Amino acid sequence: MPHRLVLNLLPASPIPPGFTTGRHLHALIDSLVSSVDEEMASQFHANQPKKAFTLSPLQVVGQWRSPPPFPGDTPLRWTHRKPINPNTPCWWRISLLDDRLFNHLSRLWLNLNPNHSWHLGPADLHITSILGTPQSAQPWADFCEYRRLYEQASDQNRKLTFQFCTPTAFRQGKFDSAMPTTDRVFGSLLRRWNHHSGLEFPTDILENIQPSQFEIRTEMATDPRDQFQHTGAKVNPSNHFTGCVGKVTYRILGRADELKIKRLNTLADFALYAGVGRKTPMGMGVTRRIS
């Protein structure tokens, strides 16, 4: 069963720019898992090709004029140019695709100590609450069984629109591409669905879908990998990669039966949990379906 958890955080010291995404948030979730199960933490940290979680960048409460950033086309913030001051309410979304991971982490919020300090780079912060169901002011939290995602998906809707909320990129050979083509977007979702859901879909369901409308732009995002090589020598500090943000509509064309349409709609709904493309455990590729 996939889960979307929202952690409400309160920094006790300033969070410098550059520590709100990437490897720093990855290190924080490693600490959270280690606090309840060190053995799972080692598996969790392993470089597995299909991670069972995704992360959003750290968000500041009230940073947009009309909270929350959902609905609407305002992307999430993936960079902060100024430090986040102490006692500034923040939130952070963790999406879990594996029930085993959720069950282990449940001990964290069942025994949540708001006075315990966690480290985000040089900053200390406190977890004030953890949300697992949708709230009027926080729709990023929710859960849904894989079977239910499939059962409630439309078998008639041929129009699938995505919003890429943080820079999204895809691996193409040895390099990255920011273009959200059908095979990259739905291929990414299909691989994650087949790996985690236990309800495998065939690859030929992608044959009838094509992009039809674009409202996207490219954005530069800091590469979430370490800025230091194993030798300790500093690499280019302006190490960035290009991703896309915005909206794309895909249409199911031709003679697609209801089963194929239902499966494609399932993948579109699944995007809110799984993310799309590369570096989703680093805050990239946060994606949601919109009407």
C-alpha atoms as a PDB file:
ATOM      1  CA  MET A   1       0.000   0.000   0.000  1.00  0.00           C
ATOM      2  CA  PRO A   2       1.542   3.363  -0.957  1.00  0.00           C
ATOM      3  CA  HIS A   3       1.506   6.125   1.660  1.00  0.00           C
ATOM      4  CA  ARG A   4       2.133   9.857   1.461  1.00  0.00           C
ATOM      5  CA  LEU A   5       3.279  11.156   4.840  1.00  0.00           C
ATOM      6  CA  VAL A   6       3.733  14.826   5.674  1.00  0.00           C
ATOM      7  CA  LEU A   7       6.120  15.695   8.488  1.00  0.00           C
ATOM      8  CA  ASN A   8       5.575  19.075  10.124  1.00  0.00           C
ATOM      9  CA  LEU A   9       8.939  20.432  11.217  1.00  0.00           C
ATOM     10  CA  LEU A  10      10.174  23.326  13.311  1.00  0.00           C
ATOM     11  CA  PRO A  11      13.838  24.318  12.986  1.00  0.00           C
ATOM     12  CA  ALA A  12      15.645  25.165  16.205  1.00  0.00           C
ATOM     13  CA  SER A  13      18.521  26.795  14.326  1.00  0.00           C
ATOM     14  CA  PRO A  14      18.871  28.385  10.859  1.00  0.00           C
ATOM     15  CA  ILE A  15      18.753  26.037   7.877  1.00  0.00           C
ATOM     16  CA  PRO A  16      21.282  27.356   5.340  1.00  0.00           C
ATOM     17  CA  PRO A  17      20.470  27.475   1.625  1.00  0.00           C
ATOM     18  CA  GLY A  18      21.461  24.262  -0.099  1.00  0.00           C
ATOM     19  CA  PHE A  19      20.345  22.007   2.749  1.00  0.00           C
ATOM     20  CA  THR A  20      16.644  21.765   1.842  1.00  0.00           C
ATOM     21  CA  THR A  21      16.853  19.039  -0.778  1.00  0.00           C
ATOM     22  CA  GLY A  22      19.112  16.348  -2.185  1.00  0.00           C
ATOM     23  CA  ARG A  23      21.513  14.314  -0.108  1.00  0.00           C
ATOM     24  CA  HIS A  24      20.811  16.298   3.059  1.00  0.00           C
ATOM     25  CA  LEU A  25      17.140  15.267   3.179  1.00  0.00           C
ATOM     26  CA  HIS A  26      18.219  11.774   2.155  1.00  0.00           C
ATOM     27  CA  ALA A  27      20.514  11.717   5.208  1.00  0.00           C
ATOM     28  CA  LEU A  28      17.632  12.872   7.405  1.00  0.00           C
ATOM     29  CA  ILE A  29      15.350  10.043   6.334  1.00  0.00           C
ATOM     30  CA  ASP A  30      18.240   7.622   6.895  1.00  0.00           C
ATOM     31  CA  SER A  31      18.388   8.920  10.483  1.00  0.00           C
ATOM     32  CA  LEU A  32      14.634   8.489  10.917  1.00  0.00           C
ATOM     33  CA  VAL A  33      14.777   4.875   9.755  1.00  0.00           C
ATOM     34  CA  SER A  34      17.884   4.149  11.856  1.00  0.00           C
ATOM     35  CA  SER A  35      16.122   5.407  14.971  1.00  0.00           C
ATOM     36  CA  VAL A  36      13.608   2.555  14.770  1.00  0.00           C
ATOM     37  CA  ASP A  37      15.443  -0.189  12.839  1.00  0.00           C
ATOM     38  CA  GLU A  38      19.174  -0.065  12.107  1.00  0.00           C
ATOM     39  CA  GLU A  39      19.111  -3.229   9.985  1.00  0.00           C
ATOM     40  CA  MET A  40      16.406  -1.837   7.746  1.00  0.00           C
ATOM     41  CA  ALA A  41      18.315   1.439   7.554  1.00  0.00           C
ATOM     42  CA  SER A  42      21.275  -0.341   5.951  1.00  0.00           C
ATOM     43  CA  GLN A  43      18.951  -1.907   3.369  1.00  0.00           C
ATOM     44  CA  PHE A  44      17.159   1.390   2.966  1.00  0.00           C
ATOM     45  CA  HIS A  45      20.415   3.192   2.254  1.00  0.00           C
ATOM     46  CA  ALA A  46      21.664   0.569  -0.196  1.00  0.00           C
ATOM     47  CA  ASN A  47      21.932   1.677  -3.790  1.00  0.00           C
ATOM     48  CA  GLN A  48      18.975  -0.306  -5.052  1.00  0.00           C
ATOM     49  CA  PRO A  49      17.750   0.413  -8.596  1.00  0.00           C
ATOM     50  CA  LYS A  50      14.136   0.794  -7.465  1.00  0.00           C
ATOM     51  CA  LYS A  51      13.870   2.778  -4.246  1.00  0.00           C
ATOM     52  CA  ALA A  52      10.736   2.232  -2.172  1.00  0.00           C
ATOM     53  CA  PHE A  53      10.368   5.905  -1.254  1.00  0.00           C
ATOM     54  CA  THR A  54      10.336   9.416  -2.694  1.00  0.00           C
ATOM     55  CA  LEU A  55      10.940  12.763  -1.020  1.00  0.00           C
ATOM     56  CA  SER A  56       9.822  16.316  -1.616  1.00  0.00           C
ATOM     57  CA  PRO A  57      12.119  19.277  -1.019  1.00  0.00           C
ATOM     58  CA  LEU A  58      11.612  21.056   2.298  1.00  0.00           C
ATOM     59  CA  GLN A  59       8.691  23.472   2.124  1.00  0.00           C
ATOM     60  CA  VAL A  60       8.016  26.562   4.231  1.00  0.00           C
ATOM     61  CA  VAL A  61       4.435  26.950   5.489  1.00  0.00           C
ATOM     62  CA  GLY A  62       2.784  30.004   3.947  1.00  0.00           C
ATOM     63  CA  GLN A  63       5.403  30.550   1.253  1.00  0.00           C
ATOM     64  CA  TRP A  64       2.635  30.809  -1.358  1.00  0.00           C
ATOM     65  CA  ARG A  65      -0.118  33.403  -1.341  1.00  0.00           C
ATOM     66  CA  SER A  66      -2.951  30.889  -1.362  1.00  0.00           C
ATOM     67  CA  PRO A  67      -1.958  27.767   0.573  1.00  0.00           C
ATOM     68  CA  PRO A  68      -1.675  24.965  -0.066  1.00  0.00           C
ATOM     69  CA  PRO A  69       0.103  24.699  -3.463  1.00  0.00           C
ATOM     70  CA  PHE A  70      -2.549  22.151  -4.486  1.00  0.00           C
ATOM     71  CA  PRO A  71      -4.703  22.741  -6.499  1.00  0.00           C
ATOM     72  CA  GLY A  72      -3.258  25.287  -8.882  1.00  0.00           C
ATOM     73  CA  ASP A  73      -0.135  25.257 -11.012  1.00  0.00           C
ATOM     74  CA  THR A  74       2.345  26.657  -8.488  1.00  0.00           C
ATOM     75  CA  PRO A  75       5.316  24.295  -8.268  1.00  0.00           C
ATOM     76  CA  LEU A  76       6.840  23.280  -5.006  1.00  0.00           C
ATOM     77  CA  ARG A  77       9.927  25.207  -3.990  1.00  0.00           C
ATOM     78  CA  TRP A  78      13.094  23.196  -4.566  1.00  0.00           C
ATOM     79  CA  THR A  79      15.663  25.869  -3.688  1.00  0.00           C
ATOM     80  CA  HIS A  80      15.878  28.549  -1.004  1.00  0.00           C
ATOM     81  CA  ARG A  81      18.151  31.535  -1.548  1.00  0.00           C
ATOM     82  CA  LYS A  82      18.048  32.654   2.066  1.00  0.00           C
ATOM     83  CA  PRO A  83      18.386  30.683   5.314  1.00  0.00           C
ATOM     84  CA  ILE A  84      15.180  29.381   6.873  1.00  0.00           C
ATOM     85  CA  ASN A  85      14.977  31.075  10.242  1.00  0.00           C
ATOM     86  CA  PRO A  86      14.486  29.232  13.538  1.00  0.00           C
ATOM     87  CA  ASN A  87      10.849  28.591  14.547  1.00  0.00           C
ATOM     88  CA  THR A  88       9.682  28.842  10.927  1.00  0.00           C
ATOM     89  CA  PRO A  89       7.032  26.111  10.391  1.00  0.00           C
ATOM     90  CA  CYS A  90       8.056  23.790   7.568  1.00  0.00           C
ATOM     91  CA  TRP A  91       6.716  20.589   6.061  1.00  0.00           C
ATOM     92  CA  TRP A  92       8.218  17.706   4.159  1.00  0.00           C
ATOM     93  CA  ARG A  93       6.502  14.903   2.245  1.00  0.00           C
ATOM     94  CA  ILE A  94       7.751  11.322   2.323  1.00  0.00           C
ATOM     95  CA  SER A  95       6.090   8.845  -0.029  1.00  0.00           C
ATOM     96  CA  LEU A  96       6.448   5.153   0.845  1.00  0.00           C
ATOM     97  CA  LEU A  97       5.740   2.476  -1.757  1.00  0.00           C
ATOM     98  CA  ASP A  98       6.344  -0.575   0.445  1.00  0.00           C
ATOM     99  CA  ASP A  99       4.173  -1.644   3.396  1.00  0.00           C
ATOM    100  CA  ARG A 100       7.166  -3.153   5.185  1.00  0.00           C
ATOM    101  CA  LEU A 101       8.841   0.216   5.328  1.00  0.00           C
ATOM    102  CA  PHE A 102       5.652   1.897   6.531  1.00  0.00           C
ATOM    103  CA  ASN A 103       5.136  -0.705   9.254  1.00  0.00           C
ATOM    104  CA  HIS A 104       8.667  -0.225  10.554  1.00  0.00           C
ATOM    105  CA  LEU A 105       8.412   3.559  10.527  1.00  0.00           C
ATOM    106  CA  SER A 106       5.054   3.495  12.320  1.00  0.00           C
ATOM    107  CA  ARG A 107       7.000   3.171  15.566  1.00  0.00           C
ATOM    108  CA  LEU A 108       8.484   6.588  14.882  1.00  0.00           C
ATOM    109  CA  TRP A 109       5.231   8.514  14.978  1.00  0.00           C
ATOM    110  CA  LEU A 110       3.574   6.299  17.571  1.00  0.00           C
ATOM    111  CA  ASN A 111       6.390   7.296  19.939  1.00  0.00           C
ATOM    112  CA  LEU A 112       6.995  10.765  18.542  1.00  0.00           C
ATOM    113  CA  ASN A 113       8.973  13.012  20.873  1.00  0.00           C
ATOM    114  CA  PRO A 114       8.598  16.649  19.758  1.00  0.00           C
ATOM    115  CA  ASN A 115      11.566  17.605  21.945  1.00  0.00           C
ATOM    116  CA  HIS A 116      13.972  15.260  20.161  1.00  0.00           C
ATOM    117  CA  SER A 117      16.401  17.048  17.842  1.00  0.00           C
ATOM    118  CA  TRP A 118      17.080  15.813  14.329  1.00  0.00           C
ATOM    119  CA  HIS A 119      19.848  17.097  12.109  1.00  0.00           C
ATOM    120  CA  LEU A 120      19.488  18.571   8.636  1.00  0.00           C
ATOM    121  CA  GLY A 121      23.033  19.450   7.685  1.00  0.00           C
ATOM    122  CA  PRO A 122      24.245  21.899  10.375  1.00  0.00           C
ATOM    123  CA  ALA A 123      20.685  22.693  11.510  1.00  0.00           C
ATOM    124  CA  ASP A 124      18.678  21.151  14.329  1.00  0.00           C
ATOM    125  CA  LEU A 125      14.950  20.669  13.928  1.00  0.00           C
ATOM    126  CA  HIS A 126      12.001  19.054  15.673  1.00  0.00           C
ATOM    127  CA  ILE A 127       9.182  16.931  14.243  1.00  0.00           C
ATOM    128  CA  THR A 128       5.980  18.423  15.664  1.00  0.00           C
ATOM    129  CA  SER A 129       3.518  16.057  13.947  1.00  0.00           C
ATOM    130  CA  ILE A 130       3.198  13.483  11.173  1.00  0.00           C
ATOM    131  CA  LEU A 131       0.138  13.402   8.909  1.00  0.00           C
ATOM    132  CA  GLY A 132      -0.950  10.283   7.035  1.00  0.00           C
ATOM    133  CA  THR A 133      -4.431  11.310   5.862  1.00  0.00           C
ATOM    134  CA  PRO A 134      -5.546  14.320   3.792  1.00  0.00           C
ATOM    135  CA  GLN A 135      -6.278  17.530   5.659  1.00  0.00           C
ATOM    136  CA  SER A 136      -8.090  20.641   4.428  1.00  0.00           C
ATOM    137  CA  ALA A 137      -4.833  22.577   4.597  1.00  0.00           C
ATOM    138  CA  GLN A 138      -2.537  19.710   3.616  1.00  0.00           C
ATOM    139  CA  PRO A 139      -3.662  17.547   0.673  1.00  0.00           C
ATOM    140  CA  TRP A 140      -0.217  16.045   0.112  1.00  0.00           C
ATOM    141  CA  ALA A 141      -0.849  13.425   2.822  1.00  0.00           C
ATOM    142  CA  ASP A 142      -2.884  10.307   1.995  1.00  0.00           C
ATOM    143  CA  PHE A 143      -2.768   6.533   1.477  1.00  0.00           C
ATOM    144  CA  CYS A 144      -4.433   4.053  -0.834  1.00  0.00           C
ATOM    145  CA  GLU A 145      -4.091   0.324  -1.450  1.00  0.00           C
ATOM    146  CA  TYR A 146      -2.686  -0.679  -4.826  1.00  0.00           C
ATOM    147  CA  ARG A 147      -5.796  -2.728  -5.568  1.00  0.00           C
ATOM    148  CA  ARG A 148      -7.999   0.246  -4.742  1.00  0.00           C
ATOM    149  CA  LEU A 149      -5.940   2.572  -6.958  1.00  0.00           C
ATOM    150  CA  TYR A 150      -6.645   0.171  -9.788  1.00  0.00           C
ATOM    151  CA  GLU A 151     -10.317  -0.400  -8.996  1.00  0.00           C
ATOM    152  CA  GLN A 152     -11.180   3.283  -8.726  1.00  0.00           C
ATOM    153  CA  ALA A 153      -9.310   4.290 -11.910  1.00  0.00           C
ATOM    154  CA  SER A 154     -11.434   5.375 -14.859  1.00  0.00           C
ATOM    155  CA  ASP A 155     -11.837   3.039 -17.828  1.00  0.00           C
ATOM    156  CA  GLN A 156     -13.218   5.856 -20.023  1.00  0.00           C
ATOM    157  CA  ASN A 157     -10.980   8.891 -19.489  1.00  0.00           C
ATOM    158  CA  ARG A 158      -8.615   9.311 -22.430  1.00  0.00           C
ATOM    159  CA  LYS A 159      -7.105  12.606 -21.234  1.00  0.00           C
ATOM    160  CA  LEU A 160      -4.276  12.386 -18.678  1.00  0.00           C
ATOM    161  CA  THR A 161      -2.700  15.650 -17.469  1.00  0.00           C
ATOM    162  CA  PHE A 162       0.361  15.812 -15.235  1.00  0.00           C
ATOM    163  CA  GLN A 163       1.901  18.644 -13.297  1.00  0.00           C
ATOM    164  CA  PHE A 164       5.641  18.310 -12.740  1.00  0.00           C
ATOM    165  CA  CYS A 165       6.004  20.140  -9.429  1.00  0.00           C
ATOM    166  CA  THR A 166       9.799  19.936  -9.056  1.00  0.00           C
ATOM    167  CA  PRO A 167      12.439  19.663 -11.797  1.00  0.00           C
ATOM    168  CA  THR A 168      12.004  16.345 -13.555  1.00  0.00           C
ATOM    169  CA  ALA A 169      14.618  14.650 -15.700  1.00  0.00           C
ATOM    170  CA  PHE A 170      15.085  11.259 -17.313  1.00  0.00           C
ATOM    171  CA  ARG A 171      18.103   9.125 -18.049  1.00  0.00           C
ATOM    172  CA  GLN A 172      18.899   8.812 -21.750  1.00  0.00           C
ATOM    173  CA  GLY A 173      21.983   6.707 -22.289  1.00  0.00           C
ATOM    174  CA  LYS A 174      24.844   8.336 -20.383  1.00  0.00           C
ATOM    175  CA  PHE A 175      23.091  11.680 -20.054  1.00  0.00           C
ATOM    176  CA  ASP A 176      19.940  13.298 -18.675  1.00  0.00           C
ATOM    177  CA  SER A 177      17.029  14.663 -20.689  1.00  0.00           C
ATOM    178  CA  ALA A 178      14.402  17.118 -19.465  1.00  0.00           C
ATOM    179  CA  MET A 179      11.857  16.262 -22.166  1.00  0.00           C
ATOM    180  CA  PRO A 180       8.823  14.405 -20.679  1.00  0.00           C
ATOM    181  CA  THR A 181       8.077  12.114 -23.586  1.00  0.00           C
ATOM    182  CA  THR A 182       5.429   9.421 -23.248  1.00  0.00           C
ATOM    183  CA  ASP A 183       7.834   6.511 -23.004  1.00  0.00           C
ATOM    184  CA  ARG A 184       9.896   8.240 -20.325  1.00  0.00           C
ATOM    185  CA  VAL A 185       7.007   9.385 -18.125  1.00  0.00           C
ATOM    186  CA  PHE A 186       4.754   6.346 -18.381  1.00  0.00           C
ATOM    187  CA  GLY A 187       7.671   3.954 -18.667  1.00  0.00           C
ATOM    188  CA  SER A 188       8.953   5.263 -15.332  1.00  0.00           C
ATOM    189  CA  LEU A 189       5.526   4.829 -13.719  1.00  0.00           C
ATOM    190  CA  LEU A 190       5.015   1.380 -15.241  1.00  0.00           C
ATOM    191  CA  ARG A 191       8.345   0.067 -13.919  1.00  0.00           C
ATOM    192  CA  ARG A 192       7.600   1.287 -10.395  1.00  0.00           C
ATOM    193  CA  TRP A 193       4.038  -0.005 -10.476  1.00  0.00           C
ATOM    194  CA  ASN A 194       5.118  -3.465 -11.640  1.00  0.00           C
ATOM    195  CA  HIS A 195       7.902  -3.594  -9.048  1.00  0.00           C
ATOM    196  CA  HIS A 196       5.837  -2.593  -6.008  1.00  0.00           C
ATOM    197  CA  SER A 197       2.136  -3.260  -6.616  1.00  0.00           C
ATOM    198  CA  GLY A 198       1.959  -7.008  -7.261  1.00  0.00           C
ATOM    199  CA  LEU A 199      -0.494  -6.195 -10.105  1.00  0.00           C
ATOM    200  CA  GLU A 200       1.744  -6.298 -13.146  1.00  0.00           C
ATOM    201  CA  PHE A 201       0.712  -4.427 -16.302  1.00  0.00           C
ATOM    202  CA  PRO A 202       2.050  -5.337 -19.781  1.00  0.00           C
ATOM    203  CA  THR A 203       4.320  -2.877 -21.578  1.00  0.00           C
ATOM    204  CA  ASP A 204       2.077  -2.702 -24.643  1.00  0.00           C
ATOM    205  CA  ILE A 205      -0.388  -0.442 -22.790  1.00  0.00           C
ATOM    206  CA  LEU A 206       1.919   2.468 -23.711  1.00  0.00           C
ATOM    207  CA  GLU A 207       1.385   2.056 -27.454  1.00  0.00           C
ATOM    208  CA  ASN A 208      -1.775   4.183 -27.664  1.00  0.00           C
ATOM    209  CA  ILE A 209      -0.766   7.244 -25.666  1.00  0.00           C
ATOM    210  CA  GLN A 210       0.775  10.440 -27.030  1.00  0.00           C
ATOM    211  CA  PRO A 211       1.442  13.950 -25.651  1.00  0.00           C
ATOM    212  CA  SER A 212      -1.008  16.564 -26.937  1.00  0.00           C
ATOM    213  CA  GLN A 213      -0.518  19.785 -24.937  1.00  0.00           C
ATOM    214  CA  PHE A 214       2.557  21.341 -23.305  1.00  0.00           C
ATOM    215  CA  GLU A 215       2.941  24.115 -20.741  1.00  0.00           C
ATOM    216  CA  ILE A 216       6.440  23.374 -19.494  1.00  0.00           C
ATOM    217  CA  ARG A 217       9.711  25.162 -18.953  1.00  0.00           C
ATOM    218  CA  THR A 218      13.190  24.070 -18.026  1.00  0.00           C
ATOM    219  CA  GLU A 219      14.633  24.824 -14.609  1.00  0.00           C
ATOM    220  CA  MET A 220      18.087  24.349 -13.202  1.00  0.00           C
ATOM    221  CA  ALA A 221      18.319  22.327 -10.013  1.00  0.00           C
ATOM    222  CA  THR A 222      21.348  21.611  -7.880  1.00  0.00           C
ATOM    223  CA  ASP A 223      22.670  18.145  -8.521  1.00  0.00           C
ATOM    224  CA  PRO A 224      21.797  16.213  -5.340  1.00  0.00           C
ATOM    225  CA  ARG A 225      25.009  14.195  -5.422  1.00  0.00           C
ATOM    226  CA  ASP A 226      27.915  15.059  -3.140  1.00  0.00           C
ATOM    227  CA  GLN A 227      30.017  18.008  -4.221  1.00  0.00           C
ATOM    228  CA  PHE A 228      33.130  16.146  -3.145  1.00  0.00           C
ATOM    229  CA  GLN A 229      34.810  13.279  -4.883  1.00  0.00           C
ATOM    230  CA  HIS A 230      36.155  10.290  -2.972  1.00  0.00           C
ATOM    231  CA  THR A 231      39.573  11.941  -3.028  1.00  0.00           C
ATOM    232  CA  GLY A 232      38.197  14.919  -1.114  1.00  0.00           C
ATOM    233  CA  ALA A 233      38.849  17.275  -4.012  1.00  0.00           C
ATOM    234  CA  LYS A 234      36.036  19.704  -4.568  1.00  0.00           C
ATOM    235  CA  VAL A 235      34.292  19.481  -7.891  1.00  0.00           C
ATOM    236  CA  ASN A 236      32.506  22.300  -9.670  1.00  0.00           C
ATOM    237  CA  PRO A 237      30.328  23.978  -6.983  1.00  0.00           C
ATOM    238  CA  SER A 238      27.819  25.035  -9.644  1.00  0.00           C
ATOM    239  CA  ASN A 239      27.069  21.408 -10.472  1.00  0.00           C
ATOM    240  CA  HIS A 240      23.506  21.547 -11.815  1.00  0.00           C
ATOM    241  CA  PHE A 241      21.218  19.590 -14.058  1.00  0.00           C
ATOM    242  CA  THR A 242      18.250  20.669 -16.151  1.00  0.00           C
ATOM    243  CA  GLY A 243      14.716  19.405 -15.469  1.00  0.00           C
ATOM    244  CA  CYS A 244      11.258  20.404 -16.557  1.00  0.00           C
ATOM    245  CA  VAL A 245       8.402  21.840 -14.518  1.00  0.00           C
ATOM    246  CA  GLY A 246       4.873  22.618 -15.671  1.00  0.00           C
ATOM    247  CA  LYS A 247       2.000  20.697 -17.222  1.00  0.00           C
ATOM    248  CA  VAL A 248       1.691  18.157 -20.020  1.00  0.00           C
ATOM    249  CA  THR A 249      -1.494  16.507 -21.279  1.00  0.00           C
ATOM    250  CA  TYR A 250      -1.309  13.040 -22.800  1.00  0.00           C
ATOM    251  CA  ARG A 251      -4.170  11.459 -24.787  1.00  0.00           C
ATOM    252  CA  ILE A 252      -5.069   7.843 -25.340  1.00  0.00           C
ATOM    253  CA  LEU A 253      -5.579   7.448 -29.085  1.00  0.00           C
ATOM    254  CA  GLY A 254      -6.892   4.784 -31.418  1.00  0.00           C
ATOM    255  CA  ARG A 255      -8.590   1.533 -30.524  1.00  0.00           C
ATOM    256  CA  ALA A 256      -7.792   1.194 -26.859  1.00  0.00           C
ATOM    257  CA  ASP A 257     -10.117  -1.099 -24.936  1.00  0.00           C
ATOM    258  CA  GLU A 258     -11.449  -0.306 -21.455  1.00  0.00           C
ATOM    259  CA  LEU A 259      -8.839  -2.476 -19.756  1.00  0.00           C
ATOM    260  CA  LYS A 260      -5.953  -0.581 -21.348  1.00  0.00           C
ATOM    261  CA  ILE A 261      -7.575   2.776 -20.543  1.00  0.00           C
ATOM    262  CA  LYS A 262      -8.082   1.704 -16.936  1.00  0.00           C
ATOM    263  CA  ARG A 263      -4.462   0.659 -16.573  1.00  0.00           C
ATOM    264  CA  LEU A 264      -3.171   3.935 -17.988  1.00  0.00           C
ATOM    265  CA  ASN A 265      -5.450   5.904 -15.673  1.00  0.00           C
ATOM    266  CA  THR A 266      -4.123   3.831 -12.780  1.00  0.00           C
ATOM    267  CA  LEU A 267      -0.551   4.814 -13.648  1.00  0.00           C
ATOM    268  CA  ALA A 268      -1.570   8.469 -13.882  1.00  0.00           C
ATOM    269  CA  ASP A 269      -3.124   8.327 -10.394  1.00  0.00           C
ATOM    270  CA  PHE A 270      -0.071   6.472  -9.084  1.00  0.00           C
ATOM    271  CA  ALA A 271       2.222   9.354 -10.079  1.00  0.00           C
ATOM    272  CA  LEU A 272       1.304  11.280  -6.919  1.00  0.00           C
ATOM    273  CA  TYR A 273       2.910   8.516  -4.856  1.00  0.00           C
ATOM    274  CA  ALA A 274       5.723   7.293  -7.099  1.00  0.00           C
ATOM    275  CA  GLY A 275       7.037  10.442  -8.711  1.00  0.00           C
ATOM    276  CA  VAL A 276       8.551  10.389 -12.189  1.00  0.00           C
ATOM    277  CA  GLY A 277      12.049  10.189 -13.592  1.00  0.00           C
ATOM    278  CA  ARG A 278      15.403  10.404 -11.838  1.00  0.00           C
ATOM    279  CA  LYS A 279      16.411  11.336  -8.292  1.00  0.00           C
ATOM    280  CA  THR A 280      12.928  11.032  -6.761  1.00  0.00           C
ATOM    281  CA  PRO A 281      14.537  10.014  -3.432  1.00  0.00           C
ATOM    282  CA  MET A 282      16.349  13.387  -3.597  1.00  0.00           C
ATOM    283  CA  GLY A 283      13.299  15.644  -4.080  1.00  0.00           C
ATOM    284  CA  MET A 284      13.183  15.659  -7.882  1.00  0.00           C
ATOM    285  CA  GLY A 285      10.345  14.463 -10.101  1.00  0.00           C
ATOM    286  CA  VAL A 286       7.468  15.226  -7.703  1.00  0.00           C
ATOM    287  CA  THR A 287       4.489  14.781 -10.006  1.00  0.00           C
ATOM    288  CA  ARG A 288       0.721  14.801  -9.653  1.00  0.00           C
ATOM    289  CA  ARG A 289      -2.233  14.268 -11.933  1.00  0.00           C
ATOM    290  CA  ILE A 290      -4.582  17.235 -12.338  1.00  0.00           C
ATOM    291  CA  SER A 291      -8.054  17.538 -13.818  1.00  0.00           C
END
